[in-house]
Amino acid sequence: VQPGGSLRLSCEVHGYFFQAYTVGWYRQTPGKQR
């Protein structure tokens, strides 16, 4: 996308009691830690 634009990311969780847990989003670029 161009600067100023928008995106919506999705995270589907399988094999987990999803309702009772916290969800986190992370990001990583080459040479950097998450």
PDB file of all heavy atoms in Angstrom:
ATOM      1  N   VAL A   1       0.841  -1.193   0.000  1.00  0.00           N
ATOM      2  CA  VAL A   1       0.000   0.000   0.000  1.00  0.00           C
ATOM      3  C   VAL A   1       0.878   1.244   0.000  1.00  0.00           C
ATOM      4  O   VAL A   1       2.059   1.197   0.344  1.00  0.00           O
ATOM      5  CB  VAL A   1      -0.950   0.043   1.213  1.00  0.00           C
ATOM      6  CG1 VAL A   1      -1.913  -1.132   1.183  1.00  0.00           C
ATOM      7  CG2 VAL A   1      -0.158   0.061   2.510  1.00  0.00           C
ATOM      8  N   GLN A   2       0.282   2.357  -0.361  1.00  0.00           N
ATOM      9  CA  GLN A   2       0.962   3.640  -0.310  1.00  0.00           C
ATOM     10  C   GLN A   2       0.912   4.224   1.091  1.00  0.00           C
ATOM     11  O   GLN A   2       0.019   3.877   1.880  1.00  0.00           O
ATOM     12  CB  GLN A   2       0.323   4.613  -1.301  1.00  0.00           C
ATOM     13  CG  GLN A   2       0.471   4.213  -2.756  1.00  0.00           C
ATOM     14  CD  GLN A   2      -0.151   5.215  -3.706  1.00  0.00           C
ATOM     15  OE1 GLN A   2      -0.902   6.093  -3.293  1.00  0.00           O
ATOM     16  NE2 GLN A   2       0.166   5.091  -4.987  1.00  0.00           N
ATOM     17  N   PRO A   3       1.853   5.090   1.432  1.00  0.00           N
ATOM     18  CA  PRO A   3       1.776   5.759   2.732  1.00  0.00           C
ATOM     19  C   PRO A   3       0.428   6.438   2.930  1.00  0.00           C
ATOM     20  O   PRO A   3      -0.106   7.062   2.013  1.00  0.00           O
ATOM     21  CB  PRO A   3       2.916   6.779   2.670  1.00  0.00           C
ATOM     22  CG  PRO A   3       3.895   6.177   1.722  1.00  0.00           C
ATOM     23  CD  PRO A   3       3.058   5.472   0.682  1.00  0.00           C
ATOM     24  N   GLY A   4      -0.102   6.308   4.141  1.00  0.00           N
ATOM     25  CA  GLY A   4      -1.417   6.837   4.440  1.00  0.00           C
ATOM     26  C   GLY A   4      -2.549   5.866   4.208  1.00  0.00           C
ATOM     27  O   GLY A   4      -3.687   6.137   4.620  1.00  0.00           O
ATOM     28  N   GLY A   5      -2.258   4.744   3.584  1.00  0.00           N
ATOM     29  CA  GLY A   5      -3.266   3.750   3.302  1.00  0.00           C
ATOM     30  C   GLY A   5      -3.581   2.877   4.499  1.00  0.00           C
ATOM     31  O   GLY A   5      -3.031   3.052   5.587  1.00  0.00           O
ATOM     32  N   SER A   6      -4.461   1.896   4.275  1.00  0.00           N
ATOM     33  CA  SER A   6      -4.929   1.020   5.344  1.00  0.00           C
ATOM     34  C   SER A   6      -4.890  -0.437   4.915  1.00  0.00           C
ATOM     35  O   SER A   6      -5.016  -0.755   3.722  1.00  0.00           O
ATOM     36  CB  SER A   6      -6.364   1.374   5.751  1.00  0.00           C
ATOM     37  OG  SER A   6      -6.451   2.689   6.261  1.00  0.00           O
ATOM     38  N   LEU A   7      -4.716  -1.306   5.880  1.00  0.00           N
ATOM     39  CA  LEU A   7      -4.808  -2.745   5.696  1.00  0.00           C
ATOM     40  C   LEU A   7      -5.428  -3.357   6.941  1.00  0.00           C
ATOM     41  O   LEU A   7      -5.276  -2.820   8.043  1.00  0.00           O
ATOM     42  CB  LEU A   7      -3.436  -3.378   5.467  1.00  0.00           C
ATOM     43  CG  LEU A   7      -2.786  -3.235   4.095  1.00  0.00           C
ATOM     44  CD1 LEU A   7      -1.360  -3.784   4.147  1.00  0.00           C
ATOM     45  CD2 LEU A   7      -3.594  -3.969   3.028  1.00  0.00           C
ATOM     46  N   ARG A   8      -6.101  -4.484   6.754  1.00  0.00           N
ATOM     47  CA  ARG A   8      -6.599  -5.254   7.878  1.00  0.00           C
ATOM     48  C   ARG A   8      -6.006  -6.649   7.825  1.00  0.00           C
ATOM     49  O   ARG A   8      -6.226  -7.387   6.862  1.00  0.00           O
ATOM     50  CB  ARG A   8      -8.128  -5.335   7.879  1.00  0.00           C
ATOM     51  CG  ARG A   8      -8.691  -6.158   9.047  1.00  0.00           C
ATOM     52  CD  ARG A   8     -10.204  -6.177   9.050  1.00  0.00           C
ATOM     53  NE  ARG A   8     -10.751  -4.864   9.358  1.00  0.00           N
ATOM     54  CZ  ARG A   8     -12.048  -4.599   9.428  1.00  0.00           C
ATOM     55  NH1 ARG A   8     -12.939  -5.546   9.194  1.00  0.00           N
ATOM     56  NH2 ARG A   8     -12.460  -3.367   9.718  1.00  0.00           N
ATOM     57  N   LEU A   9      -5.267  -7.010   8.846  1.00  0.00           N
ATOM     58  CA  LEU A   9      -4.668  -8.321   8.949  1.00  0.00           C
ATOM     59  C   LEU A   9      -5.558  -9.246   9.770  1.00  0.00           C
ATOM     60  O   LEU A   9      -6.231  -8.808  10.701  1.00  0.00           O
ATOM     61  CB  LEU A   9      -3.288  -8.241   9.603  1.00  0.00           C
ATOM     62  CG  LEU A   9      -2.288  -7.265   8.982  1.00  0.00           C
ATOM     63  CD1 LEU A   9      -0.953  -7.366   9.703  1.00  0.00           C
ATOM     64  CD2 LEU A   9      -2.126  -7.525   7.495  1.00  0.00           C
ATOM     65  N   SER A  10      -5.535 -10.526   9.425  1.00  0.00           N
ATOM     66  CA  SER A  10      -6.303 -11.527  10.136  1.00  0.00           C
ATOM     67  C   SER A  10      -5.381 -12.580  10.719  1.00  0.00           C
ATOM     68  O   SER A  10      -4.353 -12.914  10.125  1.00  0.00           O
ATOM     69  CB  SER A  10      -7.311 -12.216   9.205  1.00  0.00           C
ATOM     70  OG  SER A  10      -8.254 -11.293   8.706  1.00  0.00           O
ATOM     71  N   CYS A  11      -5.756 -13.092  11.876  1.00  0.00           N
ATOM     72  CA  CYS A  11      -5.019 -14.153  12.552  1.00  0.00           C
ATOM     73  C   CYS A  11      -6.012 -15.244  12.934  1.00  0.00           C
ATOM     74  O   CYS A  11      -6.774 -15.079  13.891  1.00  0.00           O
ATOM     75  CB  CYS A  11      -4.303 -13.604  13.780  1.00  0.00           C
ATOM     76  SG  CYS A  11      -3.522 -14.849  14.832  1.00  0.00           S
ATOM     77  N   GLU A  12      -6.009 -16.328  12.183  1.00  0.00           N
ATOM     78  CA  GLU A  12      -6.851 -17.474  12.494  1.00  0.00           C
ATOM     79  C   GLU A  12      -6.081 -18.431  13.405  1.00  0.00           C
ATOM     80  O   GLU A  12      -4.942 -18.777  13.111  1.00  0.00           O
ATOM     81  CB  GLU A  12      -7.285 -18.197  11.221  1.00  0.00           C
ATOM     82  CG  GLU A  12      -8.152 -17.366  10.311  1.00  0.00           C
ATOM     83  CD  GLU A  12      -8.637 -18.142   9.104  1.00  0.00           C
ATOM     84  OE1 GLU A  12      -8.557 -19.388   9.127  1.00  0.00           O
ATOM     85  OE2 GLU A  12      -9.094 -17.514   8.139  1.00  0.00           O
ATOM     86  N   VAL A  13      -6.710 -18.848  14.486  1.00  0.00           N
ATOM     87  CA  VAL A  13      -6.077 -19.694  15.490  1.00  0.00           C
ATOM     88  C   VAL A  13      -6.772 -21.042  15.518  1.00  0.00           C
ATOM     89  O   VAL A  13      -7.992 -21.116  15.681  1.00  0.00           O
ATOM     90  CB  VAL A  13      -6.116 -19.039  16.872  1.00  0.00           C
ATOM     91  CG1 VAL A  13      -5.410 -19.924  17.897  1.00  0.00           C
ATOM     92  CG2 VAL A  13      -5.480 -17.662  16.827  1.00  0.00           C
ATOM     93  N   HIS A  14      -5.994 -22.113  15.375  1.00  0.00           N
ATOM     94  CA  HIS A  14      -6.521 -23.470  15.364  1.00  0.00           C
ATOM     95  C   HIS A  14      -5.817 -24.300  16.427  1.00  0.00           C
ATOM     96  O   HIS A  14      -4.638 -24.118  16.705  1.00  0.00           O
ATOM     97  CB  HIS A  14      -6.322 -24.113  13.989  1.00  0.00           C
ATOM     98  CG  HIS A  14      -6.925 -23.345  12.867  1.00  0.00           C
ATOM     99  ND1 HIS A  14      -8.225 -23.532  12.460  1.00  0.00           N
ATOM    100  CD2 HIS A  14      -6.402 -22.372  12.075  1.00  0.00           C
ATOM    101  CE1 HIS A  14      -8.481 -22.708  11.457  1.00  0.00           C
ATOM    102  NE2 HIS A  14      -7.404 -21.993  11.211  1.00  0.00           N
ATOM    103  N   GLY A  15      -6.548 -25.261  16.998  1.00  0.00           N
ATOM    104  CA  GLY A  15      -5.983 -26.156  17.992  1.00  0.00           C
ATOM    105  C   GLY A  15      -5.691 -25.475  19.320  1.00  0.00           C
ATOM    106  O   GLY A  15      -4.744 -25.844  20.007  1.00  0.00           O
ATOM    107  N   TYR A  16      -6.514 -24.509  19.698  1.00  0.00           N
ATOM    108  CA  TYR A  16      -6.293 -23.707  20.891  1.00  0.00           C
ATOM    109  C   TYR A  16      -7.638 -23.273  21.456  1.00  0.00           C
ATOM    110  O   TYR A  16      -8.596 -23.057  20.703  1.00  0.00           O
ATOM    111  CB  TYR A  16      -5.446 -22.484  20.543  1.00  0.00           C
ATOM    112  CG  TYR A  16      -4.492 -22.031  21.621  1.00  0.00           C
ATOM    113  CD1 TYR A  16      -3.207 -22.578  21.711  1.00  0.00           C
ATOM    114  CD2 TYR A  16      -4.854 -21.053  22.526  1.00  0.00           C
ATOM    115  CE1 TYR A  16      -2.324 -22.159  22.682  1.00  0.00           C
ATOM    116  CE2 TYR A  16      -3.975 -20.623  23.503  1.00  0.00           C
ATOM    117  CZ  TYR A  16      -2.708 -21.176  23.582  1.00  0.00           C
ATOM    118  OH  TYR A  16      -1.827 -20.746  24.547  1.00  0.00           O
ATOM    119  N   PHE A  17      -7.683 -23.154  22.789  1.00  0.00           N
ATOM    120  CA  PHE A  17      -8.900 -22.659  23.430  1.00  0.00           C
ATOM    121  C   PHE A  17      -8.909 -21.140  23.303  1.00  0.00           C
ATOM    122  O   PHE A  17      -8.597 -20.397  24.245  1.00  0.00           O
ATOM    123  CB  PHE A  17      -8.947 -23.103  24.879  1.00  0.00           C
ATOM    124  CG  PHE A  17     -10.267 -22.837  25.559  1.00  0.00           C
ATOM    125  CD1 PHE A  17     -11.470 -23.041  24.899  1.00  0.00           C
ATOM    126  CD2 PHE A  17     -10.307 -22.395  26.864  1.00  0.00           C
ATOM    127  CE1 PHE A  17     -12.685 -22.800  25.526  1.00  0.00           C
ATOM    128  CE2 PHE A  17     -11.510 -22.155  27.509  1.00  0.00           C
ATOM    129  CZ  PHE A  17     -12.702 -22.356  26.834  1.00  0.00           C
ATOM    130  N   PHE A  18      -9.271 -20.678  22.141  1.00  0.00           N
ATOM    131  CA  PHE A  18      -9.064 -19.300  21.730  1.00  0.00           C
ATOM    132  C   PHE A  18      -9.714 -18.287  22.662  1.00  0.00           C
ATOM    133  O   PHE A  18      -9.126 -17.243  22.982  1.00  0.00           O
ATOM    134  CB  PHE A  18      -9.582 -19.116  20.296  1.00  0.00           C
ATOM    135  CG  PHE A  18      -9.427 -17.729  19.761  1.00  0.00           C
ATOM    136  CD1 PHE A  18      -8.190 -17.267  19.350  1.00  0.00           C
ATOM    137  CD2 PHE A  18     -10.521 -16.889  19.645  1.00  0.00           C
ATOM    138  CE1 PHE A  18      -8.038 -15.987  18.843  1.00  0.00           C
ATOM    139  CE2 PHE A  18     -10.387 -15.614  19.139  1.00  0.00           C
ATOM    140  CZ  PHE A  18      -9.142 -15.160  18.741  1.00  0.00           C
ATOM    141  N   GLN A  19     -10.939 -18.559  23.086  1.00  0.00           N
ATOM    142  CA  GLN A  19     -11.713 -17.586  23.846  1.00  0.00           C
ATOM    143  C   GLN A  19     -11.059 -17.158  25.155  1.00  0.00           C
ATOM    144  O   GLN A  19     -11.324 -16.056  25.638  1.00  0.00           O
ATOM    145  CB  GLN A  19     -13.122 -18.130  24.143  1.00  0.00           C
ATOM    146  CG  GLN A  19     -13.991 -18.340  22.924  1.00  0.00           C
ATOM    147  CD  GLN A  19     -13.897 -19.755  22.390  1.00  0.00           C
ATOM    148  OE1 GLN A  19     -12.852 -20.388  22.486  1.00  0.00           O
ATOM    149  NE2 GLN A  19     -14.995 -20.237  21.826  1.00  0.00           N
ATOM    150  N   ALA A  20     -10.233 -18.006  25.738  1.00  0.00           N
ATOM    151  CA  ALA A  20      -9.664 -17.751  27.055  1.00  0.00           C
ATOM    152  C   ALA A  20      -8.271 -17.134  27.013  1.00  0.00           C
ATOM    153  O   ALA A  20      -7.672 -16.929  28.067  1.00  0.00           O
ATOM    154  CB  ALA A  20      -9.624 -19.045  27.869  1.00  0.00           C
ATOM    155  N   TYR A  21      -7.774 -16.807  25.841  1.00  0.00           N
ATOM    156  CA  TYR A  21      -6.381 -16.414  25.719  1.00  0.00           C
ATOM    157  C   TYR A  21      -6.209 -15.040  25.094  1.00  0.00           C
ATOM    158  O   TYR A  21      -7.075 -14.539  24.377  1.00  0.00           O
ATOM    159  CB  TYR A  21      -5.608 -17.462  24.919  1.00  0.00           C
ATOM    160  CG  TYR A  21      -5.414 -18.734  25.701  1.00  0.00           C
ATOM    161  CD1 TYR A  21      -6.418 -19.687  25.761  1.00  0.00           C
ATOM    162  CD2 TYR A  21      -4.231 -18.962  26.403  1.00  0.00           C
ATOM    163  CE1 TYR A  21      -6.262 -20.847  26.497  1.00  0.00           C
ATOM    164  CE2 TYR A  21      -4.060 -20.120  27.136  1.00  0.00           C
ATOM    165  CZ  TYR A  21      -5.074 -21.055  27.180  1.00  0.00           C
ATOM    166  OH  TYR A  21      -4.904 -22.201  27.910  1.00  0.00           O
ATOM    167  N   THR A  22      -5.060 -14.475  25.400  1.00  0.00           N
ATOM    168  CA  THR A  22      -4.669 -13.197  24.834  1.00  0.00           C
ATOM    169  C   THR A  22      -3.989 -13.406  23.486  1.00  0.00           C
ATOM    170  O   THR A  22      -3.259 -14.379  23.294  1.00  0.00           O
ATOM    171  CB  THR A  22      -3.716 -12.462  25.793  1.00  0.00           C
ATOM    172  OG1 THR A  22      -4.422 -12.136  26.996  1.00  0.00           O
ATOM    173  CG2 THR A  22      -3.179 -11.180  25.175  1.00  0.00           C
ATOM    174  N   VAL A  23      -4.234 -12.491  22.569  1.00  0.00           N
ATOM    175  CA  VAL A  23      -3.640 -12.531  21.238  1.00  0.00           C
ATOM    176  C   VAL A  23      -2.707 -11.347  21.069  1.00  0.00           C
ATOM    177  O   VAL A  23      -3.047 -10.227  21.461  1.00  0.00           O
ATOM    178  CB  VAL A  23      -4.719 -12.505  20.143  1.00  0.00           C
ATOM    179  CG1 VAL A  23      -4.076 -12.533  18.756  1.00  0.00           C
ATOM    180  CG2 VAL A  23      -5.676 -13.670  20.303  1.00  0.00           C
ATOM    181  N   GLY A  24      -1.559 -11.598  20.501  1.00  0.00           N
ATOM    182  CA  GLY A  24      -0.610 -10.538  20.227  1.00  0.00           C
ATOM    183  C   GLY A  24      -0.234 -10.485  18.762  1.00  0.00           C
ATOM    184  O   GLY A  24      -0.184 -11.508  18.082  1.00  0.00           O
ATOM    185  N   TRP A  25       0.016  -9.278  18.290  1.00  0.00           N
ATOM    186  CA  TRP A  25       0.557  -9.057  16.959  1.00  0.00           C
ATOM    187  C   TRP A  25       1.981  -8.541  17.087  1.00  0.00           C
ATOM    188  O   TRP A  25       2.267  -7.717  17.969  1.00  0.00           O
ATOM    189  CB  TRP A  25      -0.288  -8.055  16.166  1.00  0.00           C
ATOM    190  CG  TRP A  25      -1.508  -8.634  15.516  1.00  0.00           C
ATOM    191  CD1 TRP A  25      -2.789  -8.573  15.971  1.00  0.00           C
ATOM    192  CD2 TRP A  25      -1.552  -9.339  14.277  1.00  0.00           C
ATOM    193  NE1 TRP A  25      -3.636  -9.198  15.091  1.00  0.00           N
ATOM    194  CE2 TRP A  25      -2.902  -9.679  14.043  1.00  0.00           C
ATOM    195  CE3 TRP A  25      -0.593  -9.715  13.335  1.00  0.00           C
ATOM    196  CZ2 TRP A  25      -3.315 -10.384  12.910  1.00  0.00           C
ATOM    197  CZ3 TRP A  25      -0.998 -10.417  12.217  1.00  0.00           C
ATOM    198  CH2 TRP A  25      -2.341 -10.745  12.018  1.00  0.00           C
ATOM    199  N   TYR A  26       2.848  -8.982  16.169  1.00  0.00           N
ATOM    200  CA  TYR A  26       4.253  -8.631  16.175  1.00  0.00           C
ATOM    201  C   TYR A  26       4.698  -8.356  14.749  1.00  0.00           C
ATOM    202  O   TYR A  26       4.033  -8.746  13.794  1.00  0.00           O
ATOM    203  CB  TYR A  26       5.105  -9.761  16.761  1.00  0.00           C
ATOM    204  CG  TYR A  26       4.566 -10.286  18.067  1.00  0.00           C
ATOM    205  CD1 TYR A  26       3.519 -11.202  18.083  1.00  0.00           C
ATOM    206  CD2 TYR A  26       5.089  -9.848  19.277  1.00  0.00           C
ATOM    207  CE1 TYR A  26       3.007 -11.672  19.280  1.00  0.00           C
ATOM    208  CE2 TYR A  26       4.582 -10.313  20.475  1.00  0.00           C
ATOM    209  CZ  TYR A  26       3.542 -11.224  20.472  1.00  0.00           C
ATOM    210  OH  TYR A  26       3.034 -11.684  21.652  1.00  0.00           O
ATOM    211  N   ARG A  27       5.840  -7.710  14.607  1.00  0.00           N
ATOM    212  CA  ARG A  27       6.381  -7.492  13.276  1.00  0.00           C
ATOM    213  C   ARG A  27       7.901  -7.592  13.318  1.00  0.00           C
ATOM    214  O   ARG A  27       8.533  -7.363  14.347  1.00  0.00           O
ATOM    215  CB  ARG A  27       5.942  -6.139  12.706  1.00  0.00           C
ATOM    216  CG  ARG A  27       6.444  -4.924  13.481  1.00  0.00           C
ATOM    217  CD  ARG A  27       5.771  -3.667  12.944  1.00  0.00           C
ATOM    218  NE  ARG A  27       6.242  -2.458  13.591  1.00  0.00           N
ATOM    219  CZ  ARG A  27       5.726  -1.253  13.389  1.00  0.00           C
ATOM    220  NH1 ARG A  27       4.707  -1.099  12.543  1.00  0.00           N
ATOM    221  NH2 ARG A  27       6.227  -0.196  14.019  1.00  0.00           N
ATOM    222  N   GLN A  28       8.466  -7.924  12.155  1.00  0.00           N
ATOM    223  CA  GLN A  28       9.898  -8.129  12.063  1.00  0.00           C
ATOM    224  C   GLN A  28      10.399  -7.737  10.684  1.00  0.00           C
ATOM    225  O   GLN A  28       9.788  -8.077   9.670  1.00  0.00           O
ATOM    226  CB  GLN A  28      10.257  -9.591  12.344  1.00  0.00           C
ATOM    227  CG  GLN A  28      11.743  -9.880  12.397  1.00  0.00           C
ATOM    228  CD  GLN A  28      12.028 -11.301  12.811  1.00  0.00           C
ATOM    229  OE1 GLN A  28      11.263 -12.221  12.497  1.00  0.00           O
ATOM    230  NE2 GLN A  28      13.125 -11.500  13.518  1.00  0.00           N
ATOM    231  N   THR A  29      11.518  -7.023  10.658  1.00  0.00           N
ATOM    232  CA  THR A  29      12.207  -6.682   9.423  1.00  0.00           C
ATOM    233  C   THR A  29      13.553  -7.388   9.421  1.00  0.00           C
ATOM    234  O   THR A  29      14.063  -7.779  10.478  1.00  0.00           O
ATOM    235  CB  THR A  29      12.400  -5.170   9.289  1.00  0.00           C
ATOM    236  OG1 THR A  29      13.115  -4.668  10.428  1.00  0.00           O
ATOM    237  CG2 THR A  29      11.058  -4.462   9.197  1.00  0.00           C
ATOM    238  N   PRO A  30      14.178  -7.575   8.245  1.00  0.00           N
ATOM    239  CA  PRO A  30      15.469  -8.277   8.188  1.00  0.00           C
ATOM    240  C   PRO A  30      16.513  -7.645   9.099  1.00  0.00           C
ATOM    241  O   PRO A  30      16.697  -6.428   9.106  1.00  0.00           O
ATOM    242  CB  PRO A  30      15.866  -8.154   6.717  1.00  0.00           C
ATOM    243  CG  PRO A  30      14.561  -8.059   5.997  1.00  0.00           C
ATOM    244  CD  PRO A  30      13.677  -7.242   6.909  1.00  0.00           C
ATOM    245  N   GLY A  31      17.178  -8.478   9.887  1.00  0.00           N
ATOM    246  CA  GLY A  31      18.212  -8.010  10.787  1.00  0.00           C
ATOM    247  C   GLY A  31      17.710  -7.466  12.107  1.00  0.00           C
ATOM    248  O   GLY A  31      18.520  -7.037  12.935  1.00  0.00           O
ATOM    249  N   LYS A  32      16.408  -7.484  12.311  1.00  0.00           N
ATOM    250  CA  LYS A  32      15.823  -6.962  13.539  1.00  0.00           C
ATOM    251  C   LYS A  32      15.089  -8.071  14.291  1.00  0.00           C
ATOM    252  O   LYS A  32      14.609  -9.028  13.699  1.00  0.00           O
ATOM    253  CB  LYS A  32      14.847  -5.828  13.234  1.00  0.00           C
ATOM    254  CG  LYS A  32      15.435  -4.666  12.462  1.00  0.00           C
ATOM    255  CD  LYS A  32      16.415  -3.880  13.295  1.00  0.00           C
ATOM    256  CE  LYS A  32      16.894  -2.649  12.545  1.00  0.00           C
ATOM    257  NZ  LYS A  32      17.848  -1.855  13.350  1.00  0.00           N
ATOM    258  N   GLN A  33      14.996  -7.902  15.597  1.00  0.00           N
ATOM    259  CA  GLN A  33      14.194  -8.812  16.400  1.00  0.00           C
ATOM    260  C   GLN A  33      12.719  -8.506  16.210  1.00  0.00           C
ATOM    261  O   GLN A  33      12.346  -7.408  15.798  1.00  0.00           O
ATOM    262  CB  GLN A  33      14.561  -8.692  17.876  1.00  0.00           C
ATOM    263  CG  GLN A  33      15.949  -9.182  18.219  1.00  0.00           C
ATOM    264  CD  GLN A  33      16.209  -9.156  19.708  1.00  0.00           C
ATOM    265  OE1 GLN A  33      15.604  -8.377  20.441  1.00  0.00           O
ATOM    266  NE2 GLN A  33      17.109 -10.017  20.165  1.00  0.00           N
ATOM    267  N   ARG A  34      11.914  -9.498  16.495  1.00  0.00           N
ATOM    268  CA  ARG A  34      10.480  -9.267  16.451  1.00  0.00           C
ATOM    269  C   ARG A  34      10.083  -8.184  17.460  1.00  0.00           C
ATOM    270  O   ARG A  34      10.588  -8.140  18.580  1.00  0.00           O
ATOM    271  CB  ARG A  34       9.715 -10.550  16.757  1.00  0.00           C
ATOM    272  CG  ARG A  34       9.579 -11.487  15.582  1.00  0.00           C
ATOM    273  CD  ARG A  34       8.679 -12.656  15.908  1.00  0.00           C
ATOM    274  NE  ARG A  34       8.505 -13.538  14.761  1.00  0.00           N
ATOM    275  CZ  ARG A  34       9.295 -14.558  14.474  1.00  0.00           C
ATOM    276  NH1 ARG A  34      10.338 -14.842  15.253  1.00  0.00           N
ATOM    277  NH2 ARG A  34       9.055 -15.302  13.405  1.00  0.00           N
TER     278      ARG A  34
END
